[in-house]
Amino acid sequence: MHLSKNCSLQFFDFLIRIEIMNKTLDLFSAIPQGNVQILFLDTETTGPDPDTAEVCEVAFLLAEYNGFSFTGKTQIFETLIKPSIPIPPEASAVNHISNKMISNCLPAEDFIEQISNLTQQADYISAHNLPYDYTILKRQYPSLFSRFDKTKHIDTLRLSRHIWQEIPSHALQALRYRFELDLNIKGEAHRALFDTELVQSLLHFSLKQELCDNLQKDWLSLVQLIDTPLEVKIFTFGKYRGNLVEDIVAKDAPYIRWLLKQSWLSEEQPDLYNTILSKTGAKK
């Protein structure tokens, strides 16, 4: 199969990295048990719906940590991927990946072995708005990502909302400019590897904040902090979309009682569910 120049370079670059990895296998096998491997990741996709979108670019950065201290050891894999459906122009406007760019690239299933080499070593996975990427990757690579349950998720979006509750935006690019997270990162924003490195930079910056001081450099404690319910201030769906939650709790008690009885609320909107319980004094 003929590969485009871009895809060919990425493929041979991956082979070179594998060669390096094989030569240093003994070094990695000697890592103390206390060290942790975190797989930072990002996907560029064909659309916003994680239940139907397909990857057109992926990047993975496996990084080693001793406690919360980055040892500097990394393994990286990135590649363009040809999805089974065309990339809509609306998606290309965000990720700057065109159908022409991926026309001669390989499909997602051709990269199972390369990605598996990294996922097998990972203790945790991390991304900004991780549920989006995870839903897609678990669907397209079920054998590789199904083992990463919520206890292995480090979502920097939720973490940033816990740490900086009052800032207007927790979008990755907004945080990038607010905290100058990209000083040592090269490449193009919204491309997979750039955003993957940005997520790692954001996590490092977050771990220096006061909220993380009491975690004793324990990753499981960080995951538990991230999973702690967040207060939801505005409805994002239904007839009260855009309204303050506390206003609706005060003026439409029948609607709130009905909403709490819906089984999907605690599963699909756990933060909103816990916010309403807190404001109404209702029990689970």
C-alpha atoms as a PDB file:
ATOM      1  CA  MET A   1       0.000   0.000   0.000  1.00  0.00           C
ATOM      2  CA  HIS A   2       1.303   3.426  -0.910  1.00  0.00           C
ATOM      3  CA  LEU A   3       1.564   5.810   2.051  1.00  0.00           C
ATOM      4  CA  SER A   4       1.591   9.580   1.881  1.00  0.00           C
ATOM      5  CA  LYS A   5       4.858  11.288   2.770  1.00  0.00           C
ATOM      6  CA  ASN A   6       3.444  12.465   6.092  1.00  0.00           C
ATOM      7  CA  CYS A   7       2.182   9.019   7.086  1.00  0.00           C
ATOM      8  CA  SER A   8       5.366   7.299   5.871  1.00  0.00           C
ATOM      9  CA  LEU A   9       7.565   9.563   7.955  1.00  0.00           C
ATOM     10  CA  GLN A  10       5.422   8.936  11.015  1.00  0.00           C
ATOM     11  CA  PHE A  11       5.485   5.170  10.455  1.00  0.00           C
ATOM     12  CA  PHE A  12       9.261   4.948  10.066  1.00  0.00           C
ATOM     13  CA  ASP A  13       9.709   7.312  13.000  1.00  0.00           C
ATOM     14  CA  PHE A  14       7.687   4.855  15.054  1.00  0.00           C
ATOM     15  CA  LEU A  15       9.956   1.958  13.941  1.00  0.00           C
ATOM     16  CA  ILE A  16      13.004   3.919  15.054  1.00  0.00           C
ATOM     17  CA  ARG A  17      11.413   4.556  18.443  1.00  0.00           C
ATOM     18  CA  ILE A  18      10.571   0.877  18.842  1.00  0.00           C
ATOM     19  CA  GLU A  19      14.200   0.025  18.091  1.00  0.00           C
ATOM     20  CA  ILE A  20      15.274   2.418  20.848  1.00  0.00           C
ATOM     21  CA  MET A  21      12.699   0.929  23.213  1.00  0.00           C
ATOM     22  CA  ASN A  22      13.963  -2.618  22.539  1.00  0.00           C
ATOM     23  CA  LYS A  23      17.539  -1.615  23.298  1.00  0.00           C
ATOM     24  CA  THR A  24      16.514  -0.043  26.613  1.00  0.00           C
ATOM     25  CA  LEU A  25      14.142  -2.785  27.742  1.00  0.00           C
ATOM     26  CA  ASP A  26      16.452  -3.911  30.531  1.00  0.00           C
ATOM     27  CA  LEU A  27      16.584  -0.335  31.839  1.00  0.00           C
ATOM     28  CA  PHE A  28      12.786  -0.115  32.064  1.00  0.00           C
ATOM     29  CA  SER A  29      12.499  -3.555  33.685  1.00  0.00           C
ATOM     30  CA  ALA A  30      14.693  -2.264  36.505  1.00  0.00           C
ATOM     31  CA  ILE A  31      12.280   0.567  37.414  1.00  0.00           C
ATOM     32  CA  PRO A  32      11.330   0.438  41.121  1.00  0.00           C
ATOM     33  CA  GLN A  33       7.813  -0.796  41.864  1.00  0.00           C
ATOM     34  CA  GLY A  34       6.886   2.574  43.312  1.00  0.00           C
ATOM     35  CA  ASN A  35       7.171   4.310  39.952  1.00  0.00           C
ATOM     36  CA  VAL A  36       4.029   4.996  37.955  1.00  0.00           C
ATOM     37  CA  GLN A  37       3.459   5.157  34.203  1.00  0.00           C
ATOM     38  CA  ILE A  38       0.855   7.642  32.947  1.00  0.00           C
ATOM     39  CA  LEU A  39      -0.356   7.521  29.363  1.00  0.00           C
ATOM     40  CA  PHE A  40      -1.267  11.031  28.211  1.00  0.00           C
ATOM     41  CA  LEU A  41      -3.394  10.999  25.082  1.00  0.00           C
ATOM     42  CA  ASP A  42      -5.366  13.073  22.649  1.00  0.00           C
ATOM     43  CA  THR A  43      -7.554  12.280  19.664  1.00  0.00           C
ATOM     44  CA  GLU A  44      -8.512  14.396  16.701  1.00  0.00           C
ATOM     45  CA  THR A  45     -11.787  13.110  15.335  1.00  0.00           C
ATOM     46  CA  THR A  46     -14.520  13.389  12.750  1.00  0.00           C
ATOM     47  CA  GLY A  47     -17.051  15.042  15.046  1.00  0.00           C
ATOM     48  CA  PRO A  48     -18.182  16.066  18.531  1.00  0.00           C
ATOM     49  CA  ASP A  49     -20.330  13.007  19.357  1.00  0.00           C
ATOM     50  CA  PRO A  50     -18.090  10.378  21.019  1.00  0.00           C
ATOM     51  CA  ASP A  51     -20.609   7.636  20.264  1.00  0.00           C
ATOM     52  CA  THR A  52     -20.208   8.061  16.497  1.00  0.00           C
ATOM     53  CA  ALA A  53     -16.972   9.997  15.902  1.00  0.00           C
ATOM     54  CA  GLU A  54     -13.870   8.241  14.598  1.00  0.00           C
ATOM     55  CA  VAL A  55     -10.229   9.099  15.123  1.00  0.00           C
ATOM     56  CA  CYS A  56      -8.297  10.757  12.307  1.00  0.00           C
ATOM     57  CA  GLU A  57      -5.213  11.417  14.439  1.00  0.00           C
ATOM     58  CA  VAL A  58      -3.969  10.032  17.751  1.00  0.00           C
ATOM     59  CA  ALA A  59      -1.052  10.872  20.009  1.00  0.00           C
ATOM     60  CA  PHE A  60       0.170   8.984  23.058  1.00  0.00           C
ATOM     61  CA  LEU A  61       2.862  10.042  25.514  1.00  0.00           C
ATOM     62  CA  LEU A  62       3.830   7.470  28.134  1.00  0.00           C
ATOM     63  CA  ALA A  63       5.587   9.232  31.023  1.00  0.00           C
ATOM     64  CA  GLU A  64       7.198   7.834  34.163  1.00  0.00           C
ATOM     65  CA  TYR A  65       6.727   9.329  37.647  1.00  0.00           C
ATOM     66  CA  ASN A  66       8.254   8.778  41.056  1.00  0.00           C
ATOM     67  CA  GLY A  67       5.472  10.038  43.279  1.00  0.00           C
ATOM     68  CA  PHE A  68       4.377  13.260  41.574  1.00  0.00           C
ATOM     69  CA  SER A  69       7.911  13.871  40.236  1.00  0.00           C
ATOM     70  CA  PHE A  70       8.389  13.371  36.490  1.00  0.00           C
ATOM     71  CA  THR A  71      11.521  11.269  35.880  1.00  0.00           C
ATOM     72  CA  GLY A  72      11.911  12.574  32.321  1.00  0.00           C
ATOM     73  CA  LYS A  73      11.454   9.165  30.700  1.00  0.00           C
ATOM     74  CA  THR A  74       8.885   9.118  27.906  1.00  0.00           C
ATOM     75  CA  GLN A  75       7.760   7.054  24.946  1.00  0.00           C
ATOM     76  CA  ILE A  76       5.750   8.744  22.189  1.00  0.00           C
ATOM     77  CA  PHE A  77       3.589   7.530  19.337  1.00  0.00           C
ATOM     78  CA  GLU A  78       1.573   9.728  17.006  1.00  0.00           C
ATOM     79  CA  THR A  79       0.000   9.126  13.629  1.00  0.00           C
ATOM     80  CA  LEU A  80      -2.663  10.275  11.207  1.00  0.00           C
ATOM     81  CA  ILE A  81      -5.409   7.687  10.646  1.00  0.00           C
ATOM     82  CA  LYS A  82      -7.856   7.208   7.812  1.00  0.00           C
ATOM     83  CA  PRO A  83     -11.393   6.938   9.267  1.00  0.00           C
ATOM     84  CA  SER A  84     -14.108   4.909   7.568  1.00  0.00           C
ATOM     85  CA  ILE A  85     -16.114   8.103   6.985  1.00  0.00           C
ATOM     86  CA  PRO A  86     -15.091  11.444   5.453  1.00  0.00           C
ATOM     87  CA  ILE A  87     -13.917  14.199   7.799  1.00  0.00           C
ATOM     88  CA  PRO A  88     -16.615  16.921   7.794  1.00  0.00           C
ATOM     89  CA  PRO A  89     -15.384  20.453   7.050  1.00  0.00           C
ATOM     90  CA  GLU A  90     -16.587  21.528  10.499  1.00  0.00           C
ATOM     91  CA  ALA A  91     -14.159  19.051  12.094  1.00  0.00           C
ATOM     92  CA  SER A  92     -11.340  20.091   9.765  1.00  0.00           C
ATOM     93  CA  ALA A  93     -11.905  23.708  10.811  1.00  0.00           C
ATOM     94  CA  VAL A  94     -11.017  22.693  14.378  1.00  0.00           C
ATOM     95  CA  ASN A  95      -8.227  20.147  13.926  1.00  0.00           C
ATOM     96  CA  HIS A  96      -6.874  21.356  10.549  1.00  0.00           C
ATOM     97  CA  ILE A  97      -6.844  17.786   9.218  1.00  0.00           C
ATOM     98  CA  SER A  98      -8.302  17.424   5.723  1.00  0.00           C
ATOM     99  CA  ASN A  99      -9.487  14.385   3.822  1.00  0.00           C
ATOM    100  CA  LYS A 100      -6.603  14.932   1.404  1.00  0.00           C
ATOM    101  CA  MET A 101      -4.101  14.685   4.265  1.00  0.00           C
ATOM    102  CA  ILE A 102      -5.343  11.248   5.330  1.00  0.00           C
ATOM    103  CA  SER A 103      -6.258   9.844   1.907  1.00  0.00           C
ATOM    104  CA  ASN A 104      -3.272   7.448   1.819  1.00  0.00           C
ATOM    105  CA  CYS A 105      -3.038   6.777   5.560  1.00  0.00           C
ATOM    106  CA  LEU A 106      -3.764   3.476   7.259  1.00  0.00           C
ATOM    107  CA  PRO A 107      -7.039   2.679   9.106  1.00  0.00           C
ATOM    108  CA  ALA A 108      -7.294   2.574  12.901  1.00  0.00           C
ATOM    109  CA  GLU A 109      -7.012  -1.213  13.210  1.00  0.00           C
ATOM    110  CA  ASP A 110      -3.551  -1.177  11.631  1.00  0.00           C
ATOM    111  CA  PHE A 111      -2.093   0.543  14.694  1.00  0.00           C
ATOM    112  CA  ILE A 112      -3.285  -1.871  17.394  1.00  0.00           C
ATOM    113  CA  GLU A 113       0.176  -3.308  18.019  1.00  0.00           C
ATOM    114  CA  GLN A 114       1.901   0.077  18.295  1.00  0.00           C
ATOM    115  CA  ILE A 115      -0.703   1.465  20.686  1.00  0.00           C
ATOM    116  CA  SER A 116      -0.778  -1.775  22.688  1.00  0.00           C
ATOM    117  CA  ASN A 117       2.954  -1.437  23.347  1.00  0.00           C
ATOM    118  CA  LEU A 118       2.136   1.703  25.339  1.00  0.00           C
ATOM    119  CA  THR A 119      -1.206   0.825  26.945  1.00  0.00           C
ATOM    120  CA  GLN A 120       0.211  -2.391  28.397  1.00  0.00           C
ATOM    121  CA  GLN A 121       2.744  -0.371  30.385  1.00  0.00           C
ATOM    122  CA  ALA A 122       0.331   2.314  31.614  1.00  0.00           C
ATOM    123  CA  ASP A 123      -1.031   2.518  35.161  1.00  0.00           C
ATOM    124  CA  TYR A 124      -3.257   5.538  34.406  1.00  0.00           C
ATOM    125  CA  ILE A 125      -4.541   7.386  31.353  1.00  0.00           C
ATOM    126  CA  SER A 126      -4.901  11.162  31.202  1.00  0.00           C
ATOM    127  CA  ALA A 127      -6.539  13.665  28.863  1.00  0.00           C
ATOM    128  CA  HIS A 128      -8.478  16.928  28.980  1.00  0.00           C
ATOM    129  CA  ASN A 129     -12.145  15.924  28.970  1.00  0.00           C
ATOM    130  CA  LEU A 130     -11.012  12.323  29.148  1.00  0.00           C
ATOM    131  CA  PRO A 131     -14.511  10.764  28.857  1.00  0.00           C
ATOM    132  CA  TYR A 132     -14.722  12.010  25.257  1.00  0.00           C
ATOM    133  CA  ASP A 133     -11.423  10.472  24.124  1.00  0.00           C
ATOM    134  CA  TYR A 134     -11.913   7.369  26.244  1.00  0.00           C
ATOM    135  CA  THR A 135     -15.361   6.630  24.824  1.00  0.00           C
ATOM    136  CA  ILE A 136     -13.993   6.735  21.276  1.00  0.00           C
ATOM    137  CA  LEU A 137     -10.807   4.786  21.987  1.00  0.00           C
ATOM    138  CA  LYS A 138     -12.671   2.127  23.973  1.00  0.00           C
ATOM    139  CA  ARG A 139     -15.074   1.683  21.047  1.00  0.00           C
ATOM    140  CA  GLN A 140     -12.367   1.570  18.371  1.00  0.00           C
ATOM    141  CA  TYR A 141      -9.761  -0.287  20.468  1.00  0.00           C
ATOM    142  CA  PRO A 142     -11.794  -2.285  23.036  1.00  0.00           C
ATOM    143  CA  SER A 143      -9.028  -4.806  23.736  1.00  0.00           C
ATOM    144  CA  LEU A 144      -6.613  -2.003  24.651  1.00  0.00           C
ATOM    145  CA  PHE A 145      -8.672   0.460  26.683  1.00  0.00           C
ATOM    146  CA  SER A 146     -11.422  -1.537  28.413  1.00  0.00           C
ATOM    147  CA  ARG A 147      -9.181  -2.252  31.405  1.00  0.00           C
ATOM    148  CA  PHE A 148      -8.876   1.443  32.273  1.00  0.00           C
ATOM    149  CA  ASP A 149     -11.860   1.926  34.569  1.00  0.00           C
ATOM    150  CA  LYS A 150     -12.590   5.226  36.373  1.00  0.00           C
ATOM    151  CA  THR A 151     -10.010   4.444  39.062  1.00  0.00           C
ATOM    152  CA  LYS A 152      -7.364   4.770  36.323  1.00  0.00           C
ATOM    153  CA  HIS A 153      -8.647   8.060  34.853  1.00  0.00           C
ATOM    154  CA  ILE A 154      -6.889  11.406  35.327  1.00  0.00           C
ATOM    155  CA  ASP A 155      -9.123  13.999  33.694  1.00  0.00           C
ATOM    156  CA  THR A 156      -7.349  17.369  33.722  1.00  0.00           C
ATOM    157  CA  LEU A 157     -10.582  19.171  32.808  1.00  0.00           C
ATOM    158  CA  ARG A 158     -12.282  18.088  36.033  1.00  0.00           C
ATOM    159  CA  LEU A 159      -9.078  18.685  37.984  1.00  0.00           C
ATOM    160  CA  SER A 160      -8.836  22.254  36.673  1.00  0.00           C
ATOM    161  CA  ARG A 161     -12.461  22.896  37.644  1.00  0.00           C
ATOM    162  CA  HIS A 162     -11.699  21.789  41.183  1.00  0.00           C
ATOM    163  CA  ILE A 163      -8.575  23.948  41.461  1.00  0.00           C
ATOM    164  CA  TRP A 164      -9.692  27.141  39.681  1.00  0.00           C
ATOM    165  CA  GLN A 165     -13.427  27.261  40.302  1.00  0.00           C
ATOM    166  CA  GLU A 166     -13.909  30.951  39.574  1.00  0.00           C
ATOM    167  CA  ILE A 167     -12.166  31.356  36.194  1.00  0.00           C
ATOM    168  CA  PRO A 168     -14.524  31.743  33.202  1.00  0.00           C
ATOM    169  CA  SER A 169     -13.158  28.938  31.018  1.00  0.00           C
ATOM    170  CA  HIS A 170     -11.467  25.612  31.678  1.00  0.00           C
ATOM    171  CA  ALA A 171     -10.930  24.810  27.998  1.00  0.00           C
ATOM    172  CA  LEU A 172      -7.442  23.486  27.348  1.00  0.00           C
ATOM    173  CA  GLN A 173      -6.406  26.353  25.083  1.00  0.00           C
ATOM    174  CA  ALA A 174      -7.767  28.944  27.526  1.00  0.00           C
ATOM    175  CA  LEU A 175      -5.719  27.386  30.325  1.00  0.00           C
ATOM    176  CA  ARG A 176      -2.733  27.282  27.997  1.00  0.00           C
ATOM    177  CA  TYR A 177      -2.731  31.064  27.601  1.00  0.00           C
ATOM    178  CA  ARG A 178      -3.792  31.838  31.176  1.00  0.00           C
ATOM    179  CA  PHE A 179      -0.900  29.897  32.728  1.00  0.00           C
ATOM    180  CA  GLU A 180       1.619  29.930  29.827  1.00  0.00           C
ATOM    181  CA  LEU A 181       1.635  26.140  29.674  1.00  0.00           C
ATOM    182  CA  ASP A 182       3.132  25.911  26.178  1.00  0.00           C
ATOM    183  CA  LEU A 183       6.535  27.532  26.749  1.00  0.00           C
ATOM    184  CA  ASN A 184       8.426  24.307  25.999  1.00  0.00           C
ATOM    185  CA  ILE A 185       5.998  22.797  23.498  1.00  0.00           C
ATOM    186  CA  LYS A 186       6.474  22.948  19.744  1.00  0.00           C
ATOM    187  CA  GLY A 187       3.873  22.265  17.092  1.00  0.00           C
ATOM    188  CA  GLU A 188       0.355  23.302  16.184  1.00  0.00           C
ATOM    189  CA  ALA A 189      -2.502  23.712  18.660  1.00  0.00           C
ATOM    190  CA  HIS A 190      -5.433  21.324  18.224  1.00  0.00           C
ATOM    191  CA  ARG A 191      -3.146  18.717  16.693  1.00  0.00           C
ATOM    192  CA  ALA A 192      -2.949  15.554  18.758  1.00  0.00           C
ATOM    193  CA  LEU A 193       0.678  15.574  19.943  1.00  0.00           C
ATOM    194  CA  PHE A 194       0.678  19.276  20.829  1.00  0.00           C
ATOM    195  CA  ASP A 195      -2.459  18.871  22.919  1.00  0.00           C
ATOM    196  CA  THR A 196      -1.112  15.704  24.540  1.00  0.00           C
ATOM    197  CA  GLU A 197       2.023  17.517  25.674  1.00  0.00           C
ATOM    198  CA  LEU A 198      -0.163  20.417  26.808  1.00  0.00           C
ATOM    199  CA  VAL A 199      -2.200  18.068  29.007  1.00  0.00           C
ATOM    200  CA  GLN A 200       0.994  16.839  30.645  1.00  0.00           C
ATOM    201  CA  SER A 201       2.116  20.437  31.206  1.00  0.00           C
ATOM    202  CA  LEU A 202      -1.272  21.275  32.732  1.00  0.00           C
ATOM    203  CA  LEU A 203      -1.099  18.290  35.071  1.00  0.00           C
ATOM    204  CA  HIS A 204       2.396  19.275  36.240  1.00  0.00           C
ATOM    205  CA  PHE A 205       1.191  22.825  36.900  1.00  0.00           C
ATOM    206  CA  SER A 206      -1.927  21.576  38.699  1.00  0.00           C
ATOM    207  CA  LEU A 207       0.078  19.364  41.033  1.00  0.00           C
ATOM    208  CA  LYS A 208       1.898  22.457  42.310  1.00  0.00           C
ATOM    209  CA  GLN A 209      -1.351  24.065  43.488  1.00  0.00           C
ATOM    210  CA  GLU A 210      -2.455  24.186  47.121  1.00  0.00           C
ATOM    211  CA  LEU A 211      -5.394  21.830  46.600  1.00  0.00           C
ATOM    212  CA  CYS A 212      -2.986  19.010  45.732  1.00  0.00           C
ATOM    213  CA  ASP A 213      -0.658  19.603  48.710  1.00  0.00           C
ATOM    214  CA  ASN A 214      -2.471  17.131  50.974  1.00  0.00           C
ATOM    215  CA  LEU A 215      -2.483  14.230  48.509  1.00  0.00           C
ATOM    216  CA  GLN A 216       0.915  12.964  49.710  1.00  0.00           C
ATOM    217  CA  LYS A 217       2.013  12.465  46.098  1.00  0.00           C
ATOM    218  CA  ASP A 218      -0.444   9.589  45.751  1.00  0.00           C
ATOM    219  CA  TRP A 219      -2.068   9.133  42.339  1.00  0.00           C
ATOM    220  CA  LEU A 220      -5.088   7.249  43.648  1.00  0.00           C
ATOM    221  CA  SER A 221      -5.820  10.161  45.985  1.00  0.00           C
ATOM    222  CA  LEU A 222      -5.625  12.490  42.985  1.00  0.00           C
ATOM    223  CA  VAL A 223      -8.105  10.324  41.066  1.00  0.00           C
ATOM    224  CA  GLN A 224     -10.469  10.415  44.053  1.00  0.00           C
ATOM    225  CA  LEU A 225     -10.177  14.193  44.220  1.00  0.00           C
ATOM    226  CA  ILE A 226     -10.961  14.488  40.517  1.00  0.00           C
ATOM    227  CA  ASP A 227     -14.019  12.262  40.927  1.00  0.00           C
ATOM    228  CA  THR A 228     -15.381  14.378  43.790  1.00  0.00           C
ATOM    229  CA  PRO A 229     -18.689  16.020  42.715  1.00  0.00           C
ATOM    230  CA  LEU A 230     -18.452  19.502  41.239  1.00  0.00           C
ATOM    231  CA  GLU A 231     -21.115  22.152  41.765  1.00  0.00           C
ATOM    232  CA  VAL A 232     -23.177  22.779  38.625  1.00  0.00           C
ATOM    233  CA  LYS A 233     -24.432  26.350  38.434  1.00  0.00           C
ATOM    234  CA  ILE A 234     -26.359  26.354  35.135  1.00  0.00           C
ATOM    235  CA  PHE A 235     -28.677  23.866  33.452  1.00  0.00           C
ATOM    236  CA  THR A 236     -27.244  22.749  30.092  1.00  0.00           C
ATOM    237  CA  PHE A 237     -30.322  20.879  28.843  1.00  0.00           C
ATOM    238  CA  GLY A 238     -34.115  20.794  28.958  1.00  0.00           C
ATOM    239  CA  LYS A 239     -36.629  23.582  29.338  1.00  0.00           C
ATOM    240  CA  TYR A 240     -34.438  25.418  31.850  1.00  0.00           C
ATOM    241  CA  ARG A 241     -31.306  25.340  29.723  1.00  0.00           C
ATOM    242  CA  GLY A 242     -29.179  28.400  30.563  1.00  0.00           C
ATOM    243  CA  ASN A 243     -30.947  29.051  33.886  1.00  0.00           C
ATOM    244  CA  LEU A 244     -29.250  28.993  37.281  1.00  0.00           C
ATOM    245  CA  VAL A 245     -29.781  25.705  39.099  1.00  0.00           C
ATOM    246  CA  GLU A 246     -30.409  27.451  42.432  1.00  0.00           C
ATOM    247  CA  ASP A 247     -33.134  29.611  40.833  1.00  0.00           C
ATOM    248  CA  ILE A 248     -34.985  26.589  39.466  1.00  0.00           C
ATOM    249  CA  VAL A 249     -34.641  24.727  42.770  1.00  0.00           C
ATOM    250  CA  ALA A 250     -36.306  27.696  44.467  1.00  0.00           C
ATOM    251  CA  LYS A 251     -39.141  28.331  42.017  1.00  0.00           C
ATOM    252  CA  ASP A 252     -40.055  24.950  40.475  1.00  0.00           C
ATOM    253  CA  ALA A 253     -39.984  22.257  43.152  1.00  0.00           C
ATOM    254  CA  PRO A 254     -42.264  19.844  41.155  1.00  0.00           C
ATOM    255  CA  TYR A 255     -39.788  19.856  38.247  1.00  0.00           C
ATOM    256  CA  ILE A 256     -36.840  19.238  40.591  1.00  0.00           C
ATOM    257  CA  ARG A 257     -38.663  16.343  42.279  1.00  0.00           C
ATOM    258  CA  TRP A 258     -39.453  14.854  38.865  1.00  0.00           C
ATOM    259  CA  LEU A 259     -35.851  15.293  37.740  1.00  0.00           C
ATOM    260  CA  LEU A 260     -34.454  13.518  40.793  1.00  0.00           C
ATOM    261  CA  LYS A 261     -36.661  10.502  40.048  1.00  0.00           C
ATOM    262  CA  GLN A 262     -35.108  10.032  36.597  1.00  0.00           C
ATOM    263  CA  SER A 263     -32.677   7.089  36.719  1.00  0.00           C
ATOM    264  CA  TRP A 264     -30.456   8.599  34.036  1.00  0.00           C
ATOM    265  CA  LEU A 265     -29.707  11.764  36.032  1.00  0.00           C
ATOM    266  CA  SER A 266     -27.265  10.201  38.508  1.00  0.00           C
ATOM    267  CA  GLU A 267     -25.593   8.201  35.736  1.00  0.00           C
ATOM    268  CA  GLU A 268     -25.330  10.793  32.972  1.00  0.00           C
ATOM    269  CA  GLN A 269     -25.246  14.013  35.042  1.00  0.00           C
ATOM    270  CA  PRO A 270     -23.728  12.993  38.417  1.00  0.00           C
ATOM    271  CA  ASP A 271     -22.463  16.511  39.203  1.00  0.00           C
ATOM    272  CA  LEU A 272     -25.892  18.038  38.593  1.00  0.00           C
ATOM    273  CA  TYR A 273     -27.526  15.241  40.580  1.00  0.00           C
ATOM    274  CA  ASN A 274     -25.278  15.895  43.590  1.00  0.00           C
ATOM    275  CA  THR A 275     -25.705  19.671  43.252  1.00  0.00           C
ATOM    276  CA  ILE A 276     -29.499  19.361  43.429  1.00  0.00           C
ATOM    277  CA  LEU A 277     -29.274  16.985  46.400  1.00  0.00           C
ATOM    278  CA  SER A 278     -27.066  19.500  48.185  1.00  0.00           C
ATOM    279  CA  LYS A 279     -29.357  22.459  47.491  1.00  0.00           C
ATOM    280  CA  THR A 280     -32.596  20.649  48.358  1.00  0.00           C
ATOM    281  CA  GLY A 281     -31.402  18.537  51.264  1.00  0.00           C
ATOM    282  CA  ALA A 282     -32.891  15.480  49.557  1.00  0.00           C
ATOM    283  CA  LYS A 283     -31.416  12.028  50.164  1.00  0.00           C
ATOM    284  CA  LYS A 284     -30.084   9.668  47.549  1.00  0.00           C
END
